[in-house]
N, C-alpha and C. Protein backbone atom coordinates (compact mmCIF):
# COMPACT_ATOMS: atom_id res chain seq x y z
N MET A 1 127.15 77.82 125.68
CA MET A 1 126.06 78.57 125.06
C MET A 1 126.02 78.22 123.55
N THR A 2 124.86 77.77 123.08
CA THR A 2 124.75 77.36 121.69
C THR A 2 124.31 78.51 120.82
N ASP A 3 124.78 78.49 119.57
CA ASP A 3 124.39 79.54 118.64
C ASP A 3 122.93 79.37 118.22
N ARG A 4 122.27 80.47 117.98
CA ARG A 4 120.90 80.39 117.48
C ARG A 4 120.91 79.88 116.04
N PRO A 5 119.92 79.09 115.63
CA PRO A 5 119.93 78.60 114.26
C PRO A 5 119.76 79.79 113.30
N PRO A 6 120.37 79.74 112.13
CA PRO A 6 120.30 80.85 111.19
C PRO A 6 118.87 81.01 110.67
N PHE A 7 118.51 82.27 110.34
CA PHE A 7 117.21 82.62 109.81
C PHE A 7 117.15 82.12 108.37
N ASP A 8 116.26 81.27 108.05
CA ASP A 8 116.10 80.74 106.70
C ASP A 8 115.13 81.63 105.93
N ALA A 9 115.70 82.61 105.25
CA ALA A 9 114.86 83.62 104.54
C ALA A 9 114.04 82.98 103.45
N LEU A 10 114.60 82.00 102.72
CA LEU A 10 113.88 81.39 101.63
C LEU A 10 112.67 80.61 102.17
N LEU A 11 112.89 79.87 103.24
CA LEU A 11 111.79 79.09 103.80
C LEU A 11 110.71 80.05 104.36
N PHE A 12 111.10 81.10 105.00
CA PHE A 12 110.14 82.08 105.52
C PHE A 12 109.37 82.67 104.37
N ALA A 13 110.06 83.04 103.26
CA ALA A 13 109.36 83.61 102.14
C ALA A 13 108.36 82.64 101.54
N ASP A 14 108.72 81.36 101.44
CA ASP A 14 107.76 80.36 100.92
C ASP A 14 106.55 80.26 101.85
N ILE A 15 106.78 80.25 103.15
CA ILE A 15 105.65 80.18 104.09
C ILE A 15 104.75 81.40 103.95
N GLN A 16 105.34 82.58 103.81
CA GLN A 16 104.56 83.80 103.69
C GLN A 16 103.74 83.79 102.39
N ARG A 17 104.33 83.32 101.31
CA ARG A 17 103.60 83.23 100.04
C ARG A 17 102.42 82.32 100.15
N ILE A 18 102.62 81.17 100.79
CA ILE A 18 101.52 80.20 100.97
C ILE A 18 100.41 80.82 101.85
N LYS A 19 100.79 81.54 102.90
CA LYS A 19 99.78 82.16 103.74
C LYS A 19 98.99 83.24 102.99
N GLU A 20 99.69 84.04 102.18
CA GLU A 20 99.00 85.09 101.45
C GLU A 20 98.07 84.46 100.40
N GLU A 21 98.50 83.42 99.73
CA GLU A 21 97.63 82.75 98.76
C GLU A 21 96.39 82.19 99.42
N GLU A 22 96.55 81.61 100.62
CA GLU A 22 95.43 81.06 101.36
C GLU A 22 94.48 82.17 101.81
N ARG A 23 95.04 83.29 102.26
CA ARG A 23 94.20 84.43 102.64
C ARG A 23 93.38 84.90 101.44
N GLN A 24 94.03 84.98 100.27
CA GLN A 24 93.32 85.41 99.07
C GLN A 24 92.19 84.46 98.76
N ARG A 25 92.46 83.15 98.82
CA ARG A 25 91.45 82.20 98.52
C ARG A 25 90.25 82.30 99.47
N ILE A 26 90.54 82.43 100.77
CA ILE A 26 89.46 82.51 101.77
C ILE A 26 88.66 83.79 101.53
N ALA A 27 89.32 84.90 101.23
CA ALA A 27 88.64 86.14 101.02
C ALA A 27 87.68 86.06 99.81
N ARG A 28 88.13 85.42 98.73
CA ARG A 28 87.30 85.29 97.56
C ARG A 28 86.15 84.34 97.83
N ASP A 29 86.39 83.27 98.60
CA ASP A 29 85.29 82.35 98.96
C ASP A 29 84.25 83.05 99.80
N LEU A 30 84.68 83.87 100.76
CA LEU A 30 83.76 84.64 101.56
C LEU A 30 82.92 85.56 100.71
N HIS A 31 83.59 86.25 99.79
CA HIS A 31 82.89 87.18 98.91
C HIS A 31 81.87 86.47 98.03
N ASP A 32 82.28 85.39 97.44
CA ASP A 32 81.44 84.69 96.46
C ASP A 32 80.33 83.90 97.12
N GLU A 33 80.65 83.12 98.17
CA GLU A 33 79.71 82.24 98.79
C GLU A 33 78.87 82.94 99.83
N LEU A 34 79.51 83.46 100.87
CA LEU A 34 78.75 84.10 101.94
C LEU A 34 78.09 85.38 101.46
N GLY A 35 78.84 86.13 100.59
CA GLY A 35 78.28 87.38 100.09
C GLY A 35 76.98 87.17 99.29
N SER A 36 76.96 86.10 98.47
CA SER A 36 75.77 85.82 97.71
C SER A 36 74.58 85.38 98.57
N GLN A 37 74.91 84.62 99.65
CA GLN A 37 73.85 84.19 100.55
C GLN A 37 73.28 85.36 101.32
N LEU A 38 74.11 86.27 101.80
CA LEU A 38 73.60 87.43 102.52
C LEU A 38 72.80 88.37 101.62
N THR A 39 73.22 88.50 100.38
CA THR A 39 72.46 89.32 99.44
C THR A 39 71.07 88.69 99.19
N ALA A 40 71.05 87.38 99.06
CA ALA A 40 69.76 86.68 98.86
C ALA A 40 68.83 86.86 100.08
N ILE A 41 69.40 86.87 101.28
CA ILE A 41 68.62 87.08 102.48
C ILE A 41 68.00 88.48 102.45
N LYS A 42 68.79 89.50 102.09
CA LYS A 42 68.25 90.87 102.01
C LYS A 42 67.11 90.94 100.99
N MET A 43 67.26 90.29 99.86
CA MET A 43 66.24 90.31 98.84
C MET A 43 64.96 89.64 99.37
N ALA A 44 65.11 88.52 100.09
CA ALA A 44 63.99 87.83 100.67
C ALA A 44 63.26 88.71 101.70
N LEU A 45 64.02 89.40 102.51
CA LEU A 45 63.46 90.27 103.52
C LEU A 45 62.68 91.42 102.90
N ALA A 46 63.26 91.96 101.81
CA ALA A 46 62.55 93.06 101.12
C ALA A 46 61.24 92.57 100.53
N GLN A 47 61.21 91.37 99.96
CA GLN A 47 59.97 90.84 99.43
C GLN A 47 58.97 90.61 100.53
N LEU A 48 59.47 90.05 101.66
CA LEU A 48 58.60 89.78 102.78
C LEU A 48 57.98 91.07 103.30
N ARG A 49 58.79 92.11 103.36
CA ARG A 49 58.29 93.41 103.84
C ARG A 49 57.16 93.92 103.01
N GLN A 50 57.28 93.71 101.69
CA GLN A 50 56.25 94.19 100.78
C GLN A 50 54.97 93.40 100.87
N GLN A 51 55.06 92.11 101.34
CA GLN A 51 53.91 91.23 101.37
C GLN A 51 53.23 91.20 102.71
N LEU A 52 53.71 91.99 103.64
CA LEU A 52 53.07 92.00 104.99
C LEU A 52 51.62 92.49 104.88
N PRO A 53 50.76 91.91 105.68
CA PRO A 53 49.33 92.36 105.59
C PRO A 53 49.19 93.81 106.03
N THR A 54 48.21 94.41 105.46
CA THR A 54 47.98 95.85 105.73
C THR A 54 47.37 96.05 107.11
N HIS A 55 46.71 95.04 107.62
CA HIS A 55 46.06 95.20 108.94
C HIS A 55 47.05 94.86 110.07
N HIS A 56 47.29 95.80 110.94
CA HIS A 56 48.15 95.65 112.09
C HIS A 56 49.52 95.03 111.76
N PRO A 57 50.29 95.65 110.89
CA PRO A 57 51.60 95.08 110.49
C PRO A 57 52.79 95.54 111.32
N ASP A 58 52.56 96.39 112.29
CA ASP A 58 53.67 97.04 112.98
C ASP A 58 54.67 96.07 113.60
N ALA A 59 54.20 95.07 114.30
CA ALA A 59 55.12 94.14 114.96
C ALA A 59 55.95 93.34 113.98
N LEU A 60 55.25 92.81 112.93
CA LEU A 60 55.96 92.04 111.93
C LEU A 60 56.91 92.92 111.13
N ALA A 61 56.53 94.14 110.85
CA ALA A 61 57.36 95.06 110.10
C ALA A 61 58.62 95.37 110.90
N ALA A 62 58.43 95.60 112.22
CA ALA A 62 59.60 95.90 113.08
C ALA A 62 60.58 94.74 113.10
N GLN A 63 60.07 93.51 113.16
CA GLN A 63 60.94 92.34 113.18
C GLN A 63 61.66 92.17 111.85
N THR A 64 60.92 92.46 110.77
CA THR A 64 61.54 92.35 109.42
C THR A 64 62.64 93.37 109.25
N ASP A 65 62.36 94.62 109.69
CA ASP A 65 63.38 95.67 109.61
C ASP A 65 64.60 95.36 110.47
N TYR A 66 64.35 94.78 111.64
CA TYR A 66 65.46 94.38 112.53
C TYR A 66 66.33 93.29 111.88
N ALA A 67 65.66 92.30 111.26
CA ALA A 67 66.43 91.27 110.55
C ALA A 67 67.24 91.86 109.38
N ASP A 68 66.67 92.88 108.72
CA ASP A 68 67.39 93.52 107.63
C ASP A 68 68.61 94.23 108.13
N ARG A 69 68.47 94.92 109.29
CA ARG A 69 69.62 95.62 109.86
C ARG A 69 70.72 94.62 110.32
N LEU A 70 70.31 93.48 110.86
CA LEU A 70 71.27 92.46 111.25
C LEU A 70 72.00 91.96 110.00
N THR A 71 71.30 91.80 108.93
CA THR A 71 71.96 91.36 107.68
C THR A 71 72.96 92.36 107.18
N ASP A 72 72.58 93.66 107.26
CA ASP A 72 73.52 94.72 106.89
C ASP A 72 74.78 94.65 107.75
N GLY A 73 74.58 94.41 109.04
CA GLY A 73 75.74 94.32 109.91
C GLY A 73 76.59 93.14 109.59
N ALA A 74 75.99 92.01 109.20
CA ALA A 74 76.75 90.85 108.80
C ALA A 74 77.52 91.09 107.50
N ILE A 75 76.92 91.83 106.60
CA ILE A 75 77.60 92.16 105.34
C ILE A 75 78.82 93.07 105.60
N ASP A 76 78.61 94.08 106.47
CA ASP A 76 79.74 94.95 106.83
C ASP A 76 80.85 94.17 107.51
N ALA A 77 80.50 93.27 108.43
CA ALA A 77 81.53 92.47 109.08
C ALA A 77 82.24 91.58 108.10
N MET A 78 81.52 91.03 107.12
CA MET A 78 82.20 90.20 106.13
C MET A 78 83.17 91.00 105.29
N HIS A 79 82.77 92.21 104.91
CA HIS A 79 83.67 93.08 104.13
C HIS A 79 84.93 93.46 104.96
N ASN A 80 84.76 93.70 106.22
CA ASN A 80 85.93 94.04 107.10
C ASN A 80 86.87 92.84 107.15
N ILE A 81 86.30 91.65 107.28
CA ILE A 81 87.15 90.43 107.31
C ILE A 81 87.85 90.23 106.00
N ILE A 82 87.16 90.43 104.89
CA ILE A 82 87.78 90.31 103.56
C ILE A 82 88.90 91.33 103.40
N ASP A 83 88.64 92.57 103.81
CA ASP A 83 89.69 93.58 103.69
C ASP A 83 90.90 93.26 104.50
N ASP A 84 90.69 92.63 105.64
CA ASP A 84 91.85 92.21 106.46
C ASP A 84 92.59 91.04 105.87
N LEU A 85 91.85 90.12 105.26
CA LEU A 85 92.50 88.96 104.63
C LEU A 85 93.18 89.30 103.33
N TYR A 86 92.44 89.93 102.41
CA TYR A 86 93.00 90.27 101.12
C TYR A 86 92.06 91.31 100.44
N PRO A 87 92.33 92.58 100.61
CA PRO A 87 91.46 93.60 100.02
C PRO A 87 91.37 93.44 98.50
N ALA A 88 90.18 93.53 97.97
CA ALA A 88 89.97 93.35 96.51
C ALA A 88 90.75 94.37 95.72
N VAL A 89 90.99 95.54 96.31
CA VAL A 89 91.70 96.62 95.59
C VAL A 89 93.13 96.21 95.22
N LEU A 90 93.69 95.23 95.90
CA LEU A 90 95.03 94.74 95.55
C LEU A 90 95.10 94.18 94.14
N ASP A 91 93.95 93.69 93.64
CA ASP A 91 93.93 93.13 92.27
C ASP A 91 94.13 94.29 91.24
N LEU A 92 93.96 95.54 91.65
CA LEU A 92 94.13 96.67 90.76
C LEU A 92 95.59 97.16 90.72
N GLY A 93 96.43 96.58 91.55
CA GLY A 93 97.84 96.98 91.59
C GLY A 93 98.19 97.82 92.80
N LEU A 94 99.48 97.99 93.01
CA LEU A 94 99.96 98.72 94.21
C LEU A 94 99.50 100.16 94.25
N PRO A 95 99.57 100.95 93.18
CA PRO A 95 99.15 102.37 93.27
C PRO A 95 97.71 102.50 93.75
N ALA A 96 96.79 101.72 93.18
CA ALA A 96 95.39 101.78 93.59
C ALA A 96 95.23 101.35 95.02
N ALA A 97 95.95 100.32 95.45
CA ALA A 97 95.83 99.80 96.81
C ALA A 97 96.33 100.81 97.80
N LEU A 98 97.48 101.48 97.53
CA LEU A 98 97.98 102.51 98.43
C LEU A 98 97.10 103.71 98.46
N ALA A 99 96.54 104.09 97.32
CA ALA A 99 95.61 105.25 97.30
C ALA A 99 94.37 104.97 98.16
N TRP A 100 93.83 103.76 98.02
CA TRP A 100 92.67 103.40 98.80
C TRP A 100 93.01 103.34 100.30
N LEU A 101 94.19 102.77 100.61
CA LEU A 101 94.62 102.60 102.00
C LEU A 101 94.82 103.96 102.69
N ILE A 102 95.46 104.87 102.01
CA ILE A 102 95.78 106.14 102.68
C ILE A 102 94.56 107.03 102.78
N LYS A 103 93.60 106.91 101.87
CA LYS A 103 92.34 107.63 101.96
C LYS A 103 91.50 107.10 103.11
N LEU A 104 91.49 105.76 103.25
CA LEU A 104 90.79 105.12 104.34
C LEU A 104 91.41 105.57 105.69
N PHE A 105 92.74 105.58 105.73
CA PHE A 105 93.44 106.02 106.93
C PHE A 105 93.07 107.45 107.29
N ALA A 106 93.06 108.35 106.30
CA ALA A 106 92.71 109.75 106.58
C ALA A 106 91.26 109.89 107.03
N ARG A 107 90.38 109.11 106.45
CA ARG A 107 88.96 109.14 106.87
C ARG A 107 88.76 108.68 108.31
N GLN A 108 89.53 107.67 108.68
CA GLN A 108 89.37 107.12 110.05
C GLN A 108 90.05 107.92 111.09
N THR A 109 91.17 108.59 110.75
CA THR A 109 91.97 109.31 111.75
C THR A 109 91.90 110.84 111.66
N GLY A 110 91.47 111.34 110.50
CA GLY A 110 91.51 112.78 110.27
C GLY A 110 92.88 113.33 109.97
N VAL A 111 93.89 112.46 109.78
CA VAL A 111 95.26 112.89 109.46
C VAL A 111 95.36 113.15 107.97
N PRO A 112 95.80 114.35 107.55
CA PRO A 112 95.99 114.65 106.13
C PRO A 112 97.06 113.70 105.54
N HIS A 113 96.95 113.49 104.23
CA HIS A 113 97.84 112.52 103.58
C HIS A 113 98.27 113.03 102.22
N ARG A 114 99.34 112.49 101.73
CA ARG A 114 99.81 112.71 100.36
C ARG A 114 100.29 111.40 99.80
N LEU A 115 99.94 111.12 98.55
CA LEU A 115 100.48 109.97 97.83
C LEU A 115 101.23 110.47 96.61
N LEU A 116 102.53 110.33 96.55
CA LEU A 116 103.36 110.81 95.46
C LEU A 116 103.40 109.74 94.39
N ASP A 117 102.64 109.94 93.30
CA ASP A 117 102.57 108.95 92.26
C ASP A 117 102.68 109.60 90.87
N ASP A 118 103.52 110.64 90.79
CA ASP A 118 103.66 111.39 89.56
C ASP A 118 104.71 110.79 88.62
N GLN A 119 104.88 109.49 88.67
CA GLN A 119 105.80 108.81 87.81
C GLN A 119 105.31 107.44 87.48
N GLU A 120 106.02 106.75 86.61
CA GLU A 120 105.57 105.39 86.24
C GLU A 120 105.81 104.42 87.38
N TRP A 121 104.90 103.52 87.58
CA TRP A 121 104.95 102.56 88.66
C TRP A 121 105.27 101.19 88.07
N PRO A 122 106.05 100.41 88.75
CA PRO A 122 106.35 99.05 88.29
C PRO A 122 105.17 98.11 88.55
N THR A 123 105.09 97.07 87.76
CA THR A 123 104.13 96.02 88.03
C THR A 123 104.80 94.98 88.95
N PHE A 124 104.48 95.05 90.22
CA PHE A 124 105.00 94.08 91.18
C PHE A 124 104.21 92.78 91.08
N ASP A 125 104.84 91.68 91.44
CA ASP A 125 104.04 90.45 91.50
C ASP A 125 103.11 90.52 92.71
N ALA A 126 102.17 89.59 92.79
CA ALA A 126 101.12 89.66 93.79
C ALA A 126 101.68 89.65 95.20
N PHE A 127 102.69 88.84 95.41
CA PHE A 127 103.29 88.73 96.77
C PHE A 127 103.91 90.05 97.20
N CYS A 128 104.66 90.70 96.30
CA CYS A 128 105.28 91.97 96.66
C CYS A 128 104.19 93.00 96.87
N THR A 129 103.17 92.98 96.07
CA THR A 129 102.11 93.97 96.25
C THR A 129 101.43 93.87 97.59
N VAL A 130 101.05 92.65 97.99
CA VAL A 130 100.37 92.51 99.29
C VAL A 130 101.36 92.75 100.44
N SER A 131 102.65 92.38 100.28
CA SER A 131 103.61 92.63 101.36
C SER A 131 103.82 94.11 101.55
N LEU A 132 103.96 94.92 100.48
CA LEU A 132 104.14 96.32 100.63
C LEU A 132 102.88 96.99 101.16
N TYR A 133 101.73 96.50 100.78
CA TYR A 133 100.47 97.00 101.30
C TYR A 133 100.37 96.81 102.82
N ARG A 134 100.75 95.60 103.26
CA ARG A 134 100.67 95.32 104.69
C ARG A 134 101.72 96.12 105.48
N ILE A 135 102.87 96.31 104.93
CA ILE A 135 103.90 97.16 105.56
C ILE A 135 103.37 98.58 105.69
N ALA A 136 102.80 99.12 104.61
CA ALA A 136 102.25 100.49 104.63
C ALA A 136 101.13 100.59 105.65
N ARG A 137 100.28 99.61 105.73
CA ARG A 137 99.16 99.67 106.69
C ARG A 137 99.67 99.69 108.12
N GLU A 138 100.67 98.88 108.42
CA GLU A 138 101.23 98.86 109.76
C GLU A 138 101.95 100.19 110.08
N ALA A 139 102.66 100.75 109.08
CA ALA A 139 103.30 102.02 109.29
C ALA A 139 102.34 103.15 109.56
N LEU A 140 101.25 103.19 108.82
CA LEU A 140 100.19 104.21 109.06
C LEU A 140 99.56 104.05 110.44
N HIS A 141 99.33 102.81 110.82
CA HIS A 141 98.79 102.56 112.18
C HIS A 141 99.75 103.09 113.25
N ASN A 142 101.03 102.84 113.09
CA ASN A 142 102.02 103.31 114.07
C ASN A 142 102.07 104.82 114.09
N ALA A 143 102.01 105.46 112.92
CA ALA A 143 102.11 106.92 112.82
C ALA A 143 100.95 107.57 113.57
N ALA A 144 99.73 107.01 113.43
CA ALA A 144 98.57 107.62 114.08
C ALA A 144 98.53 107.28 115.56
N ARG A 145 98.81 105.99 115.92
CA ARG A 145 98.56 105.55 117.27
C ARG A 145 99.71 105.89 118.23
N HIS A 146 100.96 105.77 117.77
CA HIS A 146 102.12 105.91 118.65
C HIS A 146 102.84 107.24 118.45
N ALA A 147 102.90 107.77 117.20
CA ALA A 147 103.69 108.93 116.94
C ALA A 147 102.94 110.20 116.98
N GLY A 148 101.61 110.15 116.96
CA GLY A 148 100.82 111.39 117.00
C GLY A 148 101.02 112.25 115.77
N ALA A 149 101.11 111.59 114.61
CA ALA A 149 101.42 112.32 113.35
C ALA A 149 100.25 113.23 112.95
N LYS A 150 100.59 114.37 112.35
CA LYS A 150 99.63 115.31 111.83
C LYS A 150 99.56 115.24 110.31
N GLU A 151 100.50 114.60 109.67
CA GLU A 151 100.49 114.47 108.21
C GLU A 151 101.35 113.25 107.85
N VAL A 152 100.95 112.54 106.82
CA VAL A 152 101.65 111.34 106.39
C VAL A 152 101.78 111.39 104.88
N THR A 153 103.01 111.02 104.37
CA THR A 153 103.26 110.98 102.96
C THR A 153 103.79 109.57 102.56
N ILE A 154 103.23 109.03 101.45
CA ILE A 154 103.72 107.76 100.90
C ILE A 154 104.28 108.07 99.50
N ALA A 155 105.47 107.54 99.23
CA ALA A 155 106.08 107.75 97.93
C ALA A 155 106.74 106.45 97.48
N LEU A 156 106.70 106.21 96.20
CA LEU A 156 107.38 105.09 95.58
C LEU A 156 108.11 105.59 94.36
N TYR A 157 109.40 105.30 94.28
CA TYR A 157 110.19 105.85 93.17
C TYR A 157 111.40 104.97 92.96
N PRO A 158 111.98 105.06 91.73
CA PRO A 158 113.16 104.29 91.40
C PRO A 158 114.42 104.95 91.90
N GLU A 159 115.44 104.07 92.16
CA GLU A 159 116.76 104.57 92.55
C GLU A 159 117.77 103.53 92.14
N HIS A 160 118.46 103.82 91.05
CA HIS A 160 119.48 102.90 90.47
C HIS A 160 118.82 101.56 90.19
N ALA A 161 119.30 100.52 90.74
CA ALA A 161 118.76 99.17 90.50
C ALA A 161 117.73 98.76 91.54
N GLN A 162 117.16 99.77 92.22
CA GLN A 162 116.17 99.49 93.24
C GLN A 162 114.93 100.33 93.09
N TRP A 163 113.86 99.89 93.74
CA TRP A 163 112.69 100.73 93.98
C TRP A 163 112.59 100.98 95.47
N ARG A 164 112.14 102.18 95.82
CA ARG A 164 112.01 102.50 97.26
C ARG A 164 110.57 102.93 97.53
N MET A 165 110.04 102.43 98.60
CA MET A 165 108.80 102.93 99.17
C MET A 165 109.12 103.65 100.47
N GLU A 166 108.69 104.85 100.59
CA GLU A 166 108.93 105.65 101.78
C GLU A 166 107.62 106.13 102.36
N ILE A 167 107.49 105.95 103.67
CA ILE A 167 106.29 106.45 104.40
C ILE A 167 106.82 107.39 105.48
N THR A 168 106.55 108.66 105.34
CA THR A 168 107.10 109.71 106.21
C THR A 168 105.97 110.36 107.02
N ASP A 169 106.19 110.50 108.34
CA ASP A 169 105.20 111.22 109.16
C ASP A 169 105.93 112.32 109.92
N ASP A 170 105.14 113.24 110.46
CA ASP A 170 105.68 114.38 111.21
C ASP A 170 105.44 114.21 112.74
N GLY A 171 105.41 112.97 113.17
CA GLY A 171 105.14 112.69 114.57
C GLY A 171 106.34 112.99 115.46
N ILE A 172 106.39 112.31 116.60
CA ILE A 172 107.41 112.60 117.60
C ILE A 172 108.72 111.93 117.35
N GLY A 173 108.80 111.14 116.28
CA GLY A 173 110.10 110.53 115.90
C GLY A 173 110.48 109.35 116.76
N LEU A 174 111.76 108.99 116.68
CA LEU A 174 112.28 107.87 117.44
C LEU A 174 112.61 108.24 118.88
N GLN A 175 111.62 108.46 119.67
CA GLN A 175 111.86 108.69 121.10
C GLN A 175 112.21 107.42 121.79
N HIS A 176 112.64 107.49 123.04
CA HIS A 176 113.13 106.32 123.75
C HIS A 176 112.08 105.21 123.81
N ASP A 177 110.80 105.61 124.05
CA ASP A 177 109.79 104.57 124.13
C ASP A 177 109.48 103.96 122.77
N LEU A 178 109.66 104.76 121.71
CA LEU A 178 109.44 104.23 120.39
C LEU A 178 110.56 103.29 119.98
N ILE A 179 111.80 103.54 120.45
CA ILE A 179 112.87 102.62 120.17
C ILE A 179 112.56 101.29 120.80
N HIS A 180 111.97 101.34 122.03
CA HIS A 180 111.57 100.07 122.64
C HIS A 180 110.47 99.40 121.87
N ARG A 181 109.53 100.24 121.33
CA ARG A 181 108.45 99.69 120.59
C ARG A 181 108.93 99.11 119.24
N ALA A 182 110.09 99.56 118.80
CA ALA A 182 110.61 99.06 117.53
C ALA A 182 110.90 97.56 117.59
N GLN A 183 110.95 97.03 118.83
CA GLN A 183 111.15 95.60 119.00
C GLN A 183 109.80 94.87 119.07
N SER A 184 108.72 95.61 118.89
CA SER A 184 107.38 95.02 118.98
C SER A 184 107.13 94.12 117.81
N SER A 185 106.06 93.32 117.96
CA SER A 185 105.76 92.37 116.90
C SER A 185 105.42 93.08 115.57
N GLY A 186 104.77 94.29 115.66
CA GLY A 186 104.45 94.99 114.46
C GLY A 186 105.69 95.36 113.64
N ILE A 187 106.68 95.94 114.30
CA ILE A 187 107.92 96.33 113.58
C ILE A 187 108.66 95.07 113.12
N ARG A 188 108.73 94.07 113.99
CA ARG A 188 109.38 92.84 113.54
C ARG A 188 108.68 92.22 112.35
N GLY A 189 107.38 92.30 112.35
CA GLY A 189 106.60 91.74 111.24
C GLY A 189 106.90 92.45 109.94
N MET A 190 107.08 93.80 110.01
CA MET A 190 107.39 94.57 108.83
C MET A 190 108.77 94.19 108.29
N HIS A 191 109.75 94.04 109.17
CA HIS A 191 111.08 93.62 108.78
C HIS A 191 111.03 92.25 108.11
N ALA A 192 110.23 91.35 108.72
CA ALA A 192 110.14 89.98 108.16
C ALA A 192 109.51 89.99 106.77
N ARG A 193 108.44 90.80 106.59
CA ARG A 193 107.78 90.89 105.31
C ARG A 193 108.75 91.43 104.25
N ALA A 194 109.52 92.45 104.61
CA ALA A 194 110.47 93.00 103.66
C ALA A 194 111.53 91.93 103.29
N ALA A 195 112.06 91.22 104.28
CA ALA A 195 113.07 90.21 103.99
C ALA A 195 112.49 89.11 103.12
N ALA A 196 111.21 88.74 103.31
CA ALA A 196 110.61 87.66 102.56
C ALA A 196 110.51 87.95 101.06
N MET A 197 110.49 89.24 100.68
CA MET A 197 110.45 89.53 99.24
C MET A 197 111.80 90.10 98.76
N GLY A 198 112.85 89.86 99.55
CA GLY A 198 114.19 90.24 99.16
C GLY A 198 114.47 91.74 99.30
N ALA A 199 113.73 92.40 100.13
CA ALA A 199 113.91 93.85 100.37
C ALA A 199 114.50 94.07 101.77
N THR A 200 114.87 95.34 102.02
CA THR A 200 115.31 95.73 103.33
C THR A 200 114.43 96.90 103.83
N LEU A 201 114.30 96.99 105.14
CA LEU A 201 113.46 98.02 105.76
C LEU A 201 114.29 98.80 106.78
N HIS A 202 114.17 100.12 106.74
CA HIS A 202 114.94 101.01 107.62
C HIS A 202 113.99 102.03 108.25
N LEU A 203 114.24 102.37 109.52
CA LEU A 203 113.52 103.43 110.18
C LEU A 203 114.52 104.62 110.36
N LEU A 204 114.19 105.74 109.70
CA LEU A 204 115.11 106.86 109.64
C LEU A 204 114.46 108.09 110.20
N PRO A 205 115.17 108.80 111.10
CA PRO A 205 114.61 110.10 111.62
C PRO A 205 114.64 111.15 110.52
N THR A 206 113.65 112.04 110.53
CA THR A 206 113.62 113.14 109.59
C THR A 206 114.40 114.29 110.19
N GLU A 207 114.54 115.40 109.39
CA GLU A 207 115.39 116.51 109.78
C GLU A 207 114.91 117.17 111.08
N LYS A 208 113.60 117.38 111.18
CA LYS A 208 113.05 118.12 112.35
C LYS A 208 112.54 117.08 113.38
N SER A 209 111.41 116.54 113.09
CA SER A 209 110.87 115.45 113.94
C SER A 209 110.17 114.52 112.99
N GLY A 210 109.68 113.45 113.51
CA GLY A 210 108.99 112.50 112.64
C GLY A 210 109.92 111.33 112.27
N LEU A 211 109.39 110.53 111.36
CA LEU A 211 110.07 109.28 111.02
C LEU A 211 109.76 108.93 109.57
N THR A 212 110.78 108.36 108.91
CA THR A 212 110.61 107.83 107.57
C THR A 212 110.87 106.32 107.62
N LEU A 213 109.87 105.55 107.20
CA LEU A 213 110.03 104.14 107.03
C LEU A 213 110.34 103.89 105.60
N GLN A 214 111.50 103.31 105.35
CA GLN A 214 112.00 103.10 103.99
C GLN A 214 112.14 101.63 103.65
N VAL A 215 111.53 101.20 102.55
CA VAL A 215 111.74 99.83 102.05
C VAL A 215 112.43 99.90 100.73
N ARG A 216 113.54 99.20 100.62
CA ARG A 216 114.34 99.17 99.38
C ARG A 216 114.19 97.81 98.75
N MET A 217 113.72 97.80 97.48
CA MET A 217 113.45 96.56 96.79
C MET A 217 114.34 96.44 95.54
N PRO A 218 115.04 95.33 95.35
CA PRO A 218 115.77 95.16 94.12
C PRO A 218 114.85 95.03 92.93
N ILE A 219 115.35 95.38 91.76
CA ILE A 219 114.52 95.30 90.54
C ILE A 219 114.04 93.91 90.32
N ASP A 220 114.84 92.89 90.65
CA ASP A 220 114.42 91.52 90.41
C ASP A 220 113.30 91.09 91.33
N ALA A 221 112.81 91.97 92.22
CA ALA A 221 111.59 91.63 92.98
C ALA A 221 110.36 91.78 92.12
N LEU A 222 110.51 92.40 90.96
CA LEU A 222 109.37 92.59 90.08
C LEU A 222 109.08 91.34 89.28
N SER A 223 107.85 91.16 88.96
CA SER A 223 107.51 90.02 88.07
C SER A 223 107.93 90.26 86.70
N ASN A 224 107.91 91.50 86.21
CA ASN A 224 108.36 91.89 84.86
C ASN A 224 108.67 93.34 84.91
N THR A 225 109.06 93.92 83.79
CA THR A 225 109.47 95.32 83.71
C THR A 225 108.36 96.20 83.18
N THR A 226 107.18 95.68 83.07
CA THR A 226 106.05 96.49 82.62
C THR A 226 105.80 97.63 83.58
N LEU A 227 105.58 98.80 83.03
CA LEU A 227 105.29 99.97 83.86
C LEU A 227 103.89 100.42 83.61
N ILE A 228 103.22 100.87 84.67
CA ILE A 228 101.84 101.35 84.55
C ILE A 228 101.71 102.71 85.18
N LYS A 229 100.68 103.39 84.88
CA LYS A 229 100.35 104.68 85.44
C LYS A 229 99.03 104.62 86.16
């Protein structure tokens, strides 16, 4: 029996960085190129609607309105694709990205949320920001879909030479089926993202029920020591 080849964390990190940079480029191209074209189509449709003849315009007006609704749907689909590739809010930093993410999560699921940000936040580099954002998004998805959580809290705070991000829910915790799901691609993906930025990820049961997902990041994962609020 041969040994499995060792996991090359540095190579994986380089690949992940390249993928995230490419996602960011594609998202911006979609926004700039396709977004401007769809906006121009809407403007053209609005002008056409105004220029329709006054005599018997119902059929043409209905077709114009239908085309306008199709354009709106295309714009919404484009924004959803962009948000999946690289949400623009990430450019505002991790606090803004997490605040937007958890509010969107609460609006979609109805699950109450808390974001603990009553302290100074570090300026993470772009790769750490997007990695932590994607970990948080997967954790929120698991809390709502698998754990049946009624409340979720996200916190980021310093601890000695590390920063920690914790996502805690009050769901059913690490039941037997969830332990099996911990081997799923989603959980594996979160572990891999953490490793790629030099961090570690832990799944910890809470005192009563529920689960805390904890990511520990060394200080040198930061691009600099600038702190923001």
